[in-house]
Structures are given as C-alpha cells and as structure tokens.
C-alpha cells in the first residue's frame, strides 16, 4: 500500500512538472509572438483597432500563462493546490473576456453574464481569504 502511494505521488509530481514545461514553452512562444506583433505595429501609420485588440488579448493571455506557471510551481513546492491562485486566474480570464467583448462591440447580455460571474468569483475569493488559513 505504501509503495502504491509513493508511485502515485511520483506520477503526480511528474505530471505537474510536465504541465509546468508546457506552460513555459507556451510563455516563450507567446512572448516571441507578442514581440513580432509589436514590431509589425511600429510603422508610420496608426495601428487599427483589431491589431491593438489582438495585442491586448495576447498580453493578457501571457500574464495568465505566467500566473498558471506560478500556481503549478507553488503546487509542486508545497505539495498542495493553491486555491486562491486558481481563483485569481479565473478572475483574469473573466476580465480578459470583458475587455475583448467590450472592444469588439459584443452583446450587452454577455457582458452582464460575465459581470455576474466575476462577482461570484470575487465573493469566493473573499470567502477563501477570510475563512481558510494559509
């Protein structure tokens, strides 16, 4: 029984390291893609709205990937899942969707749904911060 538990823990750590490597590769590729996008926008004429929106979207995704990488690394080091960090990542995803939806002149109803989702996740974050000790 003890041997099986060690094997499962080793398998879990291997999986977490694999996820961390995938996120690192994604961050590196996204960083280069963002730099290429910025260098393409540097010209005499003003960039159009879709180029700026794509740059903002890529920057927020890059921040999200870095936050997830931090979460995985902390999870590996502390041998537990940091729930607060996962909730923070969910908040970033919702804010990203709000920005993209607003700039793309999307549906107001969808923006209301996103606002309600953000409010609920914020309440969960407050609850976790107040009642769960780190």
N, C-alpha and C. Protein backbone atom coordinates (compact mmCIF):
# COMPACT_ATOMS: atom_id res chain seq x y z
N UNK A 1 0.82 -1.18 0.00
CA UNK A 1 0.00 0.00 0.00
C UNK A 1 0.88 1.26 0.00
N UNK A 2 1.91 1.28 0.82
CA UNK A 2 2.82 2.42 0.90
C UNK A 2 3.56 2.60 -0.43
N UNK A 3 3.89 1.50 -1.08
CA UNK A 3 4.58 1.55 -2.36
C UNK A 3 3.68 2.19 -3.42
N UNK A 4 2.40 1.87 -3.41
CA UNK A 4 1.45 2.44 -4.36
C UNK A 4 1.29 3.94 -4.15
N UNK A 5 1.29 4.37 -2.90
CA UNK A 5 1.15 5.79 -2.58
C UNK A 5 2.36 6.57 -3.09
N UNK A 6 3.55 6.03 -2.91
CA UNK A 6 4.76 6.69 -3.40
C UNK A 6 4.74 6.77 -4.92
N UNK A 7 4.28 5.69 -5.55
CA UNK A 7 4.20 5.67 -7.01
C UNK A 7 3.22 6.72 -7.52
N UNK A 8 2.08 6.87 -6.87
CA UNK A 8 1.10 7.88 -7.27
C UNK A 8 1.62 9.29 -7.03
N UNK A 9 2.32 9.51 -5.91
CA UNK A 9 2.90 10.82 -5.66
C UNK A 9 3.95 11.17 -6.71
N UNK A 10 4.78 10.21 -7.07
CA UNK A 10 5.79 10.41 -8.10
C UNK A 10 5.13 10.72 -9.44
N UNK A 11 4.08 10.01 -9.76
CA UNK A 11 3.34 10.23 -11.00
C UNK A 11 2.71 11.62 -11.01
N UNK A 12 2.18 12.06 -9.88
CA UNK A 12 1.59 13.39 -9.77
C UNK A 12 2.64 14.48 -9.95
N UNK A 13 3.79 14.33 -9.33
CA UNK A 13 4.87 15.30 -9.48
C UNK A 13 5.34 15.34 -10.93
N UNK A 14 5.45 14.19 -11.56
CA UNK A 14 5.85 14.14 -12.97
C UNK A 14 4.83 14.87 -13.84
N UNK A 15 3.56 14.67 -13.57
CA UNK A 15 2.51 15.35 -14.32
C UNK A 15 2.56 16.86 -14.12
N UNK A 16 2.79 17.30 -12.88
CA UNK A 16 2.89 18.73 -12.60
C UNK A 16 4.10 19.34 -13.30
N UNK A 17 5.22 18.63 -13.31
CA UNK A 17 6.41 19.12 -14.00
C UNK A 17 6.16 19.20 -15.50
N UNK A 18 5.46 18.23 -16.05
CA UNK A 18 5.12 18.24 -17.47
C UNK A 18 4.23 19.43 -17.80
N UNK A 19 3.25 19.71 -16.95
CA UNK A 19 2.39 20.88 -17.16
C UNK A 19 3.21 22.16 -17.08
N UNK A 20 4.13 22.24 -16.13
CA UNK A 20 4.99 23.42 -15.99
C UNK A 20 5.84 23.62 -17.25
N UNK A 21 6.38 22.55 -17.80
CA UNK A 21 7.19 22.64 -19.02
C UNK A 21 6.33 23.13 -20.18
N UNK A 22 5.13 22.61 -20.30
CA UNK A 22 4.23 23.04 -21.37
C UNK A 22 3.90 24.52 -21.23
N UNK A 23 3.65 24.97 -20.01
CA UNK A 23 3.34 26.39 -19.79
C UNK A 23 4.56 27.26 -20.10
N UNK A 24 5.76 26.80 -19.74
CA UNK A 24 6.98 27.56 -20.03
C UNK A 24 7.15 27.71 -21.53
N UNK A 25 6.97 26.63 -22.28
CA UNK A 25 7.08 26.69 -23.74
C UNK A 25 6.03 27.65 -24.31
N UNK A 26 4.81 27.58 -23.77
CA UNK A 26 3.75 28.48 -24.23
C UNK A 26 4.09 29.93 -23.95
N UNK A 27 4.65 30.22 -22.79
CA UNK A 27 5.04 31.59 -22.45
C UNK A 27 6.13 32.08 -23.39
N UNK A 28 7.10 31.25 -23.67
CA UNK A 28 8.19 31.66 -24.57
C UNK A 28 7.66 31.93 -25.97
N UNK A 29 6.83 31.03 -26.49
CA UNK A 29 6.26 31.22 -27.83
C UNK A 29 5.37 32.45 -27.87
N UNK A 30 4.55 32.64 -26.84
CA UNK A 30 3.68 33.81 -26.79
C UNK A 30 4.48 35.10 -26.69
N UNK A 31 5.57 35.08 -25.95
CA UNK A 31 6.41 36.27 -25.84
C UNK A 31 7.00 36.66 -27.20
N UNK A 32 7.51 35.69 -27.92
CA UNK A 32 8.05 35.97 -29.24
C UNK A 32 6.95 36.45 -30.19
N UNK A 33 5.79 35.82 -30.12
CA UNK A 33 4.68 36.24 -30.97
C UNK A 33 4.25 37.67 -30.64
N UNK A 34 4.24 38.03 -29.37
CA UNK A 34 3.88 39.39 -28.97
C UNK A 34 4.92 40.39 -29.46
N UNK A 35 6.20 40.04 -29.32
CA UNK A 35 7.25 40.94 -29.82
C UNK A 35 7.16 41.12 -31.33
N UNK A 36 6.87 40.06 -32.05
CA UNK A 36 6.71 40.16 -33.51
C UNK A 36 5.52 41.03 -33.85
N UNK A 37 4.43 40.87 -33.08
CA UNK A 37 3.24 41.66 -33.30
C UNK A 37 3.53 43.14 -33.05
N UNK A 38 4.25 43.45 -31.97
CA UNK A 38 4.59 44.84 -31.65
C UNK A 38 5.50 45.42 -32.72
N UNK A 39 6.48 44.64 -33.17
CA UNK A 39 7.40 45.15 -34.20
C UNK A 39 6.65 45.39 -35.51
N UNK A 40 5.62 44.61 -35.80
CA UNK A 40 4.82 44.84 -37.00
C UNK A 40 3.94 46.06 -36.88
N UNK A 41 3.60 46.45 -35.65
CA UNK A 41 2.74 47.61 -35.44
C UNK A 41 3.53 48.92 -35.47
N UNK A 42 4.85 48.82 -35.34
CA UNK A 42 5.68 50.03 -35.34
C UNK A 42 5.91 50.43 -36.79
N UNK A 43 5.17 51.43 -37.21
CA UNK A 43 5.27 51.96 -38.57
C UNK A 43 4.75 53.39 -38.54
N UNK A 44 4.71 54.01 -39.67
CA UNK A 44 4.29 55.41 -39.75
C UNK A 44 2.80 55.56 -39.45
N UNK A 45 1.99 54.68 -39.98
CA UNK A 45 0.53 54.79 -39.80
C UNK A 45 0.12 54.27 -38.43
N UNK A 46 -1.04 54.72 -37.98
CA UNK A 46 -1.57 54.25 -36.71
C UNK A 46 -2.07 52.81 -36.86
N UNK A 47 -1.86 51.97 -35.84
CA UNK A 47 -2.40 50.60 -35.92
C UNK A 47 -3.92 50.64 -35.83
N UNK A 48 -4.55 49.66 -36.47
CA UNK A 48 -6.01 49.63 -36.43
C UNK A 48 -6.50 48.97 -35.14
N UNK A 49 -7.80 49.06 -34.94
CA UNK A 49 -8.41 48.59 -33.69
C UNK A 49 -8.20 47.10 -33.48
N UNK A 50 -8.28 46.30 -34.53
CA UNK A 50 -8.13 44.85 -34.36
C UNK A 50 -6.71 44.48 -33.98
N UNK A 51 -5.71 45.21 -34.49
CA UNK A 51 -4.32 44.94 -34.10
C UNK A 51 -4.09 45.23 -32.62
N UNK A 52 -4.64 46.35 -32.16
CA UNK A 52 -4.49 46.72 -30.75
C UNK A 52 -5.22 45.71 -29.86
N UNK A 53 -6.42 45.31 -30.28
CA UNK A 53 -7.18 44.33 -29.51
C UNK A 53 -6.45 42.99 -29.45
N UNK A 54 -5.84 42.59 -30.55
CA UNK A 54 -5.08 41.33 -30.57
C UNK A 54 -3.87 41.42 -29.65
N UNK A 55 -3.21 42.58 -29.62
CA UNK A 55 -2.06 42.77 -28.75
C UNK A 55 -2.47 42.72 -27.28
N UNK A 56 -3.56 43.39 -26.94
CA UNK A 56 -4.05 43.36 -25.55
C UNK A 56 -4.43 41.94 -25.16
N UNK A 57 -5.11 41.24 -26.06
CA UNK A 57 -5.52 39.86 -25.78
C UNK A 57 -4.31 38.96 -25.57
N UNK A 58 -3.29 39.12 -26.40
CA UNK A 58 -2.09 38.29 -26.26
C UNK A 58 -1.35 38.62 -24.97
N UNK A 59 -1.28 39.89 -24.59
CA UNK A 59 -0.61 40.27 -23.36
C UNK A 59 -1.32 39.69 -22.14
N UNK A 60 -2.65 39.74 -22.14
CA UNK A 60 -3.40 39.19 -21.01
C UNK A 60 -3.24 37.67 -20.96
N UNK A 61 -3.25 37.01 -22.12
CA UNK A 61 -3.02 35.56 -22.13
C UNK A 61 -1.63 35.21 -21.62
N UNK A 62 -0.66 36.04 -21.95
CA UNK A 62 0.69 35.81 -21.46
C UNK A 62 0.76 35.95 -19.94
N UNK A 63 0.09 36.96 -19.41
CA UNK A 63 0.03 37.11 -17.95
C UNK A 63 -0.68 35.92 -17.30
N UNK A 64 -1.73 35.45 -17.94
CA UNK A 64 -2.45 34.29 -17.42
C UNK A 64 -1.57 33.05 -17.41
N UNK A 65 -0.81 32.85 -18.49
CA UNK A 65 0.08 31.70 -18.54
C UNK A 65 1.15 31.78 -17.46
N UNK A 66 1.68 32.98 -17.23
CA UNK A 66 2.68 33.14 -16.17
C UNK A 66 2.07 32.89 -14.79
N UNK A 67 0.82 33.32 -14.59
CA UNK A 67 0.15 33.07 -13.32
C UNK A 67 -0.10 31.58 -13.11
N UNK A 68 -0.50 30.90 -14.17
CA UNK A 68 -0.71 29.45 -14.06
C UNK A 68 0.61 28.73 -13.79
N UNK A 69 1.69 29.20 -14.41
CA UNK A 69 3.00 28.61 -14.16
C UNK A 69 3.39 28.79 -12.69
N UNK A 70 3.14 29.97 -12.16
CA UNK A 70 3.42 30.22 -10.73
C UNK A 70 2.59 29.28 -9.86
N UNK A 71 1.33 29.09 -10.22
CA UNK A 71 0.46 28.20 -9.46
C UNK A 71 0.98 26.77 -9.47
N UNK A 72 1.41 26.30 -10.64
CA UNK A 72 1.93 24.93 -10.74
C UNK A 72 3.21 24.78 -9.94
N UNK A 73 4.09 25.76 -10.03
CA UNK A 73 5.36 25.68 -9.30
C UNK A 73 5.12 25.69 -7.79
N UNK A 74 4.21 26.57 -7.34
CA UNK A 74 3.89 26.61 -5.92
C UNK A 74 3.24 25.29 -5.49
N UNK A 75 2.39 24.74 -6.34
CA UNK A 75 1.76 23.45 -6.03
C UNK A 75 2.76 22.33 -5.90
N UNK A 76 3.77 22.34 -6.77
CA UNK A 76 4.82 21.31 -6.69
C UNK A 76 5.64 21.50 -5.41
N UNK A 77 6.00 22.74 -5.13
CA UNK A 77 6.85 23.01 -3.96
C UNK A 77 6.14 22.73 -2.64
N UNK A 78 4.87 23.11 -2.55
CA UNK A 78 4.16 22.97 -1.29
C UNK A 78 3.34 21.69 -1.19
N UNK A 79 3.28 20.93 -2.26
CA UNK A 79 2.53 19.66 -2.28
C UNK A 79 1.04 19.86 -2.00
N UNK A 80 0.50 21.01 -2.44
CA UNK A 80 -0.93 21.25 -2.32
C UNK A 80 -1.34 22.25 -3.41
N UNK A 81 -2.60 22.26 -3.73
CA UNK A 81 -3.10 23.15 -4.76
C UNK A 81 -3.46 24.50 -4.12
N UNK A 82 -2.85 25.59 -4.57
CA UNK A 82 -3.18 26.90 -4.02
C UNK A 82 -4.49 27.42 -4.62
N UNK A 83 -5.57 27.28 -3.90
CA UNK A 83 -6.90 27.60 -4.40
C UNK A 83 -7.03 29.09 -4.72
N UNK A 84 -6.43 29.94 -3.90
CA UNK A 84 -6.51 31.38 -4.15
C UNK A 84 -5.91 31.74 -5.50
N UNK A 85 -4.83 31.10 -5.88
CA UNK A 85 -4.20 31.40 -7.17
C UNK A 85 -5.07 30.96 -8.33
N UNK A 86 -5.76 29.85 -8.16
CA UNK A 86 -6.66 29.38 -9.22
C UNK A 86 -7.83 30.33 -9.38
N UNK A 87 -8.34 30.84 -8.27
CA UNK A 87 -9.44 31.82 -8.34
C UNK A 87 -8.95 33.11 -8.99
N UNK A 88 -7.72 33.53 -8.68
CA UNK A 88 -7.16 34.71 -9.32
C UNK A 88 -7.05 34.51 -10.83
N UNK A 89 -6.64 33.33 -11.26
CA UNK A 89 -6.55 33.04 -12.69
C UNK A 89 -7.93 33.09 -13.35
N UNK A 90 -8.94 32.58 -12.66
CA UNK A 90 -10.31 32.65 -13.20
C UNK A 90 -10.76 34.10 -13.33
N UNK A 91 -10.39 34.93 -12.37
CA UNK A 91 -10.74 36.35 -12.45
C UNK A 91 -10.06 37.01 -13.65
N UNK A 92 -8.82 36.66 -13.91
CA UNK A 92 -8.11 37.22 -15.06
C UNK A 92 -8.78 36.80 -16.36
N UNK A 93 -9.22 35.55 -16.44
CA UNK A 93 -9.89 35.06 -17.65
C UNK A 93 -11.18 35.85 -17.89
N UNK A 94 -11.94 36.09 -16.83
CA UNK A 94 -13.20 36.82 -16.99
C UNK A 94 -12.94 38.27 -17.39
N UNK A 95 -11.95 38.91 -16.78
CA UNK A 95 -11.62 40.29 -17.15
C UNK A 95 -11.17 40.36 -18.60
N UNK A 96 -10.40 39.38 -19.04
CA UNK A 96 -9.97 39.32 -20.44
C UNK A 96 -11.17 39.24 -21.36
N UNK A 97 -12.12 38.37 -21.02
CA UNK A 97 -13.33 38.25 -21.84
C UNK A 97 -14.12 39.55 -21.85
N UNK A 98 -14.18 40.23 -20.71
CA UNK A 98 -14.89 41.52 -20.65
C UNK A 98 -14.24 42.55 -21.56
N UNK A 99 -12.91 42.62 -21.54
CA UNK A 99 -12.20 43.59 -22.37
C UNK A 99 -12.43 43.28 -23.85
N UNK A 100 -12.25 42.03 -24.22
CA UNK A 100 -12.43 41.64 -25.62
C UNK A 100 -13.86 41.90 -26.06
N UNK A 101 -14.84 41.53 -25.21
CA UNK A 101 -16.25 41.72 -25.56
C UNK A 101 -16.59 43.19 -25.72
N UNK A 102 -16.08 44.03 -24.82
CA UNK A 102 -16.37 45.46 -24.88
C UNK A 102 -15.75 46.10 -26.13
N UNK A 103 -14.52 45.75 -26.42
CA UNK A 103 -13.84 46.34 -27.57
C UNK A 103 -14.37 45.82 -28.91
N UNK A 104 -14.93 44.64 -28.91
CA UNK A 104 -15.46 44.07 -30.15
C UNK A 104 -16.94 44.41 -30.34
N UNK A 105 -17.48 45.28 -29.45
CA UNK A 105 -18.89 45.66 -29.52
C UNK A 105 -19.79 44.43 -29.47
N UNK A 106 -19.52 43.60 -28.50
CA UNK A 106 -20.28 42.36 -28.35
C UNK A 106 -21.62 42.59 -27.67
N UNK A 107 -22.23 41.52 -27.29
CA UNK A 107 -23.56 41.54 -26.71
C UNK A 107 -23.54 42.11 -25.29
N UNK A 108 -24.43 43.05 -24.99
CA UNK A 108 -24.51 43.57 -23.62
C UNK A 108 -24.95 42.49 -22.62
N UNK A 109 -25.79 41.57 -23.06
CA UNK A 109 -26.23 40.50 -22.18
C UNK A 109 -25.05 39.61 -21.78
N UNK A 110 -24.17 39.33 -22.72
CA UNK A 110 -22.98 38.53 -22.43
C UNK A 110 -22.09 39.26 -21.42
N UNK A 111 -21.98 40.58 -21.54
CA UNK A 111 -21.20 41.36 -20.59
C UNK A 111 -21.83 41.31 -19.20
N UNK A 112 -23.15 41.30 -19.13
CA UNK A 112 -23.83 41.17 -17.83
C UNK A 112 -23.54 39.80 -17.22
N UNK A 113 -23.58 38.75 -18.04
CA UNK A 113 -23.26 37.41 -17.54
C UNK A 113 -21.83 37.34 -17.02
N UNK A 114 -20.91 37.96 -17.75
CA UNK A 114 -19.51 37.98 -17.30
C UNK A 114 -19.36 38.76 -16.00
N UNK A 115 -20.10 39.86 -15.87
CA UNK A 115 -20.05 40.65 -14.64
C UNK A 115 -20.56 39.86 -13.44
N UNK A 116 -21.65 39.12 -13.65
CA UNK A 116 -22.19 38.28 -12.58
C UNK A 116 -21.19 37.19 -12.21
N UNK A 117 -20.55 36.59 -13.22
CA UNK A 117 -19.54 35.56 -12.96
C UNK A 117 -18.37 36.14 -12.18
N UNK A 118 -17.93 37.33 -12.55
CA UNK A 118 -16.83 37.96 -11.85
C UNK A 118 -17.21 38.26 -10.40
N UNK A 119 -18.42 38.72 -10.19
CA UNK A 119 -18.90 39.00 -8.84
C UNK A 119 -18.91 37.72 -7.99
N UNK A 120 -19.38 36.63 -8.55
CA UNK A 120 -19.44 35.36 -7.81
C UNK A 120 -18.03 34.85 -7.49
N UNK A 121 -17.12 34.96 -8.44
CA UNK A 121 -15.75 34.51 -8.19
C UNK A 121 -15.07 35.43 -7.17
N UNK A 122 -15.38 36.71 -7.22
CA UNK A 122 -14.84 37.65 -6.22
C UNK A 122 -15.33 37.30 -4.82
N UNK A 123 -16.60 36.96 -4.71
CA UNK A 123 -17.14 36.54 -3.42
C UNK A 123 -16.45 35.26 -2.93
N UNK A 124 -16.21 34.32 -3.85
CA UNK A 124 -15.49 33.10 -3.47
C UNK A 124 -14.08 33.43 -3.00
N UNK A 125 -13.43 34.38 -3.66
CA UNK A 125 -12.08 34.78 -3.27
C UNK A 125 -12.09 35.41 -1.87
N UNK A 126 -13.06 36.26 -1.61
CA UNK A 126 -13.17 36.87 -0.29
C UNK A 126 -13.43 35.81 0.77
N UNK A 127 -14.32 34.87 0.47
CA UNK A 127 -14.63 33.79 1.40
C UNK A 127 -13.39 32.96 1.70
N UNK A 128 -12.66 32.59 0.66
CA UNK A 128 -11.45 31.77 0.83
C UNK A 128 -10.41 32.56 1.63
N UNK A 129 -10.24 33.83 1.32
CA UNK A 129 -9.24 34.65 2.01
C UNK A 129 -9.57 34.82 3.49
N UNK A 130 -10.85 34.94 3.79
CA UNK A 130 -11.26 35.21 5.16
C UNK A 130 -11.28 33.95 6.03
N UNK A 131 -11.74 32.83 5.48
CA UNK A 131 -12.01 31.67 6.31
C UNK A 131 -11.01 30.54 6.19
N UNK A 132 -10.18 30.54 5.16
CA UNK A 132 -9.20 29.48 5.02
C UNK A 132 -7.83 30.06 5.30
N UNK A 133 -7.17 29.51 6.27
CA UNK A 133 -5.84 29.98 6.67
C UNK A 133 -4.79 29.33 5.77
N UNK A 134 -3.81 30.14 5.36
CA UNK A 134 -2.72 29.61 4.53
C UNK A 134 -1.69 28.93 5.36
